[in-house]
Amino acid sequence: MEVLTGNVNEERHVPWVQELETGYRVTVGKPSLHPMDDIHYIEYVELYVDGEMVGKHEFQPGDKPEAEFEVDKGKQVFAREFCNLHGLWQGELE
């Protein structure tokens, strides 16, 4: 499956990764959130730190497309999300 990328400020499918005191927050959609209705929604987000998947959060229609992960910090951090209509997208820690 192809992993799509883009500018987080222009494409609502790119996961936005933010560093927190105890880990990371992943939000799908910046500045406005990705739709989460019955026909178009985010199925899950995965967080990767230094090449290893350290967390996964699954969503249902109606959920807010945001997840926080309490994990150890790393040097290379990115997230992937899967949209039921538009596939797999990846975004890096800003």
C-alpha atoms as a PDB file:
ATOM      1  CA  MET A   1       0.000   0.000   0.000  1.00  0.00           C
ATOM      2  CA  GLU A   2       1.344   3.416  -0.960  1.00  0.00           C
ATOM      3  CA  VAL A   3       1.998   5.850   1.908  1.00  0.00           C
ATOM      4  CA  LEU A   4       0.884   9.353   0.970  1.00  0.00           C
ATOM      5  CA  THR A   5       2.383  12.574   2.321  1.00  0.00           C
ATOM      6  CA  GLY A   6       1.766  16.284   2.017  1.00  0.00           C
ATOM      7  CA  ASN A   7       1.861  19.593   3.821  1.00  0.00           C
ATOM      8  CA  VAL A   8       0.019  19.304   7.151  1.00  0.00           C
ATOM      9  CA  ASN A   9      -1.237  22.890   6.775  1.00  0.00           C
ATOM     10  CA  GLU A  10      -2.781  22.209   3.355  1.00  0.00           C
ATOM     11  CA  GLU A  11      -3.932  18.565   3.429  1.00  0.00           C
ATOM     12  CA  ARG A  12      -6.319  17.388   6.183  1.00  0.00           C
ATOM     13  CA  HIS A  13      -5.201  13.768   5.826  1.00  0.00           C
ATOM     14  CA  VAL A  14      -1.612  14.371   6.988  1.00  0.00           C
ATOM     15  CA  PRO A  15      -1.240  13.460  10.684  1.00  0.00           C
ATOM     16  CA  TRP A  16      -0.036  16.373  12.813  1.00  0.00           C
ATOM     17  CA  VAL A  17       2.390  15.140  15.498  1.00  0.00           C
ATOM     18  CA  GLN A  18       3.043  17.336  18.536  1.00  0.00           C
ATOM     19  CA  GLU A  19       5.470  16.652  21.365  1.00  0.00           C
ATOM     20  CA  LEU A  20       3.985  16.571  24.871  1.00  0.00           C
ATOM     21  CA  GLU A  21       5.690  16.357  28.244  1.00  0.00           C
ATOM     22  CA  THR A  22       4.973  12.614  28.507  1.00  0.00           C
ATOM     23  CA  GLY A  23       4.900  11.616  24.836  1.00  0.00           C
ATOM     24  CA  TYR A  24       3.108  12.780  21.699  1.00  0.00           C
ATOM     25  CA  ARG A  25      -0.310  13.863  20.425  1.00  0.00           C
ATOM     26  CA  VAL A  26      -1.460  12.957  16.909  1.00  0.00           C
ATOM     27  CA  THR A  27      -4.266  14.971  15.340  1.00  0.00           C
ATOM     28  CA  VAL A  28      -5.665  14.350  11.877  1.00  0.00           C
ATOM     29  CA  GLY A  29      -6.431  17.717  10.359  1.00  0.00           C
ATOM     30  CA  LYS A  30      -4.838  21.110  10.841  1.00  0.00           C
ATOM     31  CA  PRO A  31      -6.216  23.727  11.200  1.00  0.00           C
ATOM     32  CA  SER A  32      -9.616  21.976  10.840  1.00  0.00           C
ATOM     33  CA  LEU A  33     -10.171  18.362  11.833  1.00  0.00           C
ATOM     34  CA  HIS A  34     -10.731  15.582   9.315  1.00  0.00           C
ATOM     35  CA  PRO A  35     -14.422  14.620   8.919  1.00  0.00           C
ATOM     36  CA  MET A  36     -15.568  11.729  11.077  1.00  0.00           C
ATOM     37  CA  ASP A  37     -18.941  10.789   9.634  1.00  0.00           C
ATOM     38  CA  ASP A  38     -20.344   7.416   8.628  1.00  0.00           C
ATOM     39  CA  ILE A  39     -19.107   7.587   5.029  1.00  0.00           C
ATOM     40  CA  HIS A  40     -15.748   9.362   5.508  1.00  0.00           C
ATOM     41  CA  TYR A  41     -13.641   8.846   8.624  1.00  0.00           C
ATOM     42  CA  ILE A  42     -10.223   7.973  10.028  1.00  0.00           C
ATOM     43  CA  GLU A  43     -10.023   4.287  10.984  1.00  0.00           C
ATOM     44  CA  TYR A  44      -6.789   4.501  13.010  1.00  0.00           C
ATOM     45  CA  VAL A  45      -3.556   6.347  13.763  1.00  0.00           C
ATOM     46  CA  GLU A  46      -0.196   4.713  14.511  1.00  0.00           C
ATOM     47  CA  LEU A  47       2.781   6.395  16.177  1.00  0.00           C
ATOM     48  CA  TYR A  48       6.359   5.417  15.288  1.00  0.00           C
ATOM     49  CA  VAL A  49       9.429   6.372  17.335  1.00  0.00           C
ATOM     50  CA  ASP A  50      12.899   5.568  16.013  1.00  0.00           C
ATOM     51  CA  GLY A  51      11.535   3.108  13.461  1.00  0.00           C
ATOM     52  CA  GLU A  52       9.269   1.146  15.824  1.00  0.00           C
ATOM     53  CA  MET A  53       5.477   1.361  16.117  1.00  0.00           C
ATOM     54  CA  VAL A  54       4.887   2.332  19.753  1.00  0.00           C
ATOM     55  CA  GLY A  55       1.147   2.922  19.724  1.00  0.00           C
ATOM     56  CA  LYS A  56      -2.082   2.595  17.771  1.00  0.00           C
ATOM     57  CA  HIS A  57      -5.474   4.170  18.350  1.00  0.00           C
ATOM     58  CA  GLU A  58      -8.622   3.088  16.505  1.00  0.00           C
ATOM     59  CA  PHE A  59     -11.550   5.423  15.819  1.00  0.00           C
ATOM     60  CA  GLN A  60     -15.242   5.163  15.037  1.00  0.00           C
ATOM     61  CA  PRO A  61     -17.391   7.658  13.110  1.00  0.00           C
ATOM     62  CA  GLY A  62     -18.203  10.559  15.430  1.00  0.00           C
ATOM     63  CA  ASP A  63     -14.932  10.349  17.388  1.00  0.00           C
ATOM     64  CA  LYS A  64     -12.495  13.264  17.477  1.00  0.00           C
ATOM     65  CA  PRO A  65      -9.536  12.261  15.241  1.00  0.00           C
ATOM     66  CA  GLU A  66      -6.922  12.832  17.938  1.00  0.00           C
ATOM     67  CA  ALA A  67      -4.931  10.502  20.183  1.00  0.00           C
ATOM     68  CA  GLU A  68      -2.291  10.954  22.878  1.00  0.00           C
ATOM     69  CA  PHE A  69       0.470   8.421  23.434  1.00  0.00           C
ATOM     70  CA  GLU A  70       2.491   8.262  26.649  1.00  0.00           C
ATOM     71  CA  VAL A  71       5.771   6.885  25.320  1.00  0.00           C
ATOM     72  CA  ASP A  72       9.505   7.506  25.556  1.00  0.00           C
ATOM     73  CA  LYS A  73      10.797  10.288  23.340  1.00  0.00           C
ATOM     74  CA  GLY A  74      12.926   9.583  20.290  1.00  0.00           C
ATOM     75  CA  LYS A  75      14.889  11.246  17.515  1.00  0.00           C
ATOM     76  CA  GLN A  76      12.764  10.145  14.549  1.00  0.00           C
ATOM     77  CA  VAL A  77       9.021  10.454  15.168  1.00  0.00           C
ATOM     78  CA  PHE A  78       6.183  10.119  12.671  1.00  0.00           C
ATOM     79  CA  ALA A  79       2.567   9.008  12.540  1.00  0.00           C
ATOM     80  CA  ARG A  80       0.439   7.218   9.992  1.00  0.00           C
ATOM     81  CA  GLU A  81      -3.321   7.347   9.645  1.00  0.00           C
ATOM     82  CA  PHE A  82      -5.740   5.417   7.504  1.00  0.00           C
ATOM     83  CA  CYS A  83      -8.749   7.159   5.941  1.00  0.00           C
ATOM     84  CA  ASN A  84     -11.470   4.773   4.806  1.00  0.00           C
ATOM     85  CA  LEU A  85     -11.800   6.679   1.488  1.00  0.00           C
ATOM     86  CA  HIS A  86      -8.342   8.117   0.810  1.00  0.00           C
ATOM     87  CA  GLY A  87      -5.875   5.547   2.152  1.00  0.00           C
ATOM     88  CA  LEU A  88      -2.710   5.682   4.236  1.00  0.00           C
ATOM     89  CA  TRP A  89      -1.049   9.018   5.075  1.00  0.00           C
ATOM     90  CA  GLN A  90       2.116   9.892   6.998  1.00  0.00           C
ATOM     91  CA  GLY A  91       3.218  13.020   8.879  1.00  0.00           C
ATOM     92  CA  GLU A  92       6.430  13.875  10.764  1.00  0.00           C
ATOM     93  CA  LEU A  93       6.916  15.504  14.157  1.00  0.00           C
ATOM     94  CA  GLU A  94       6.927  19.299  13.709  1.00  0.00           C
END
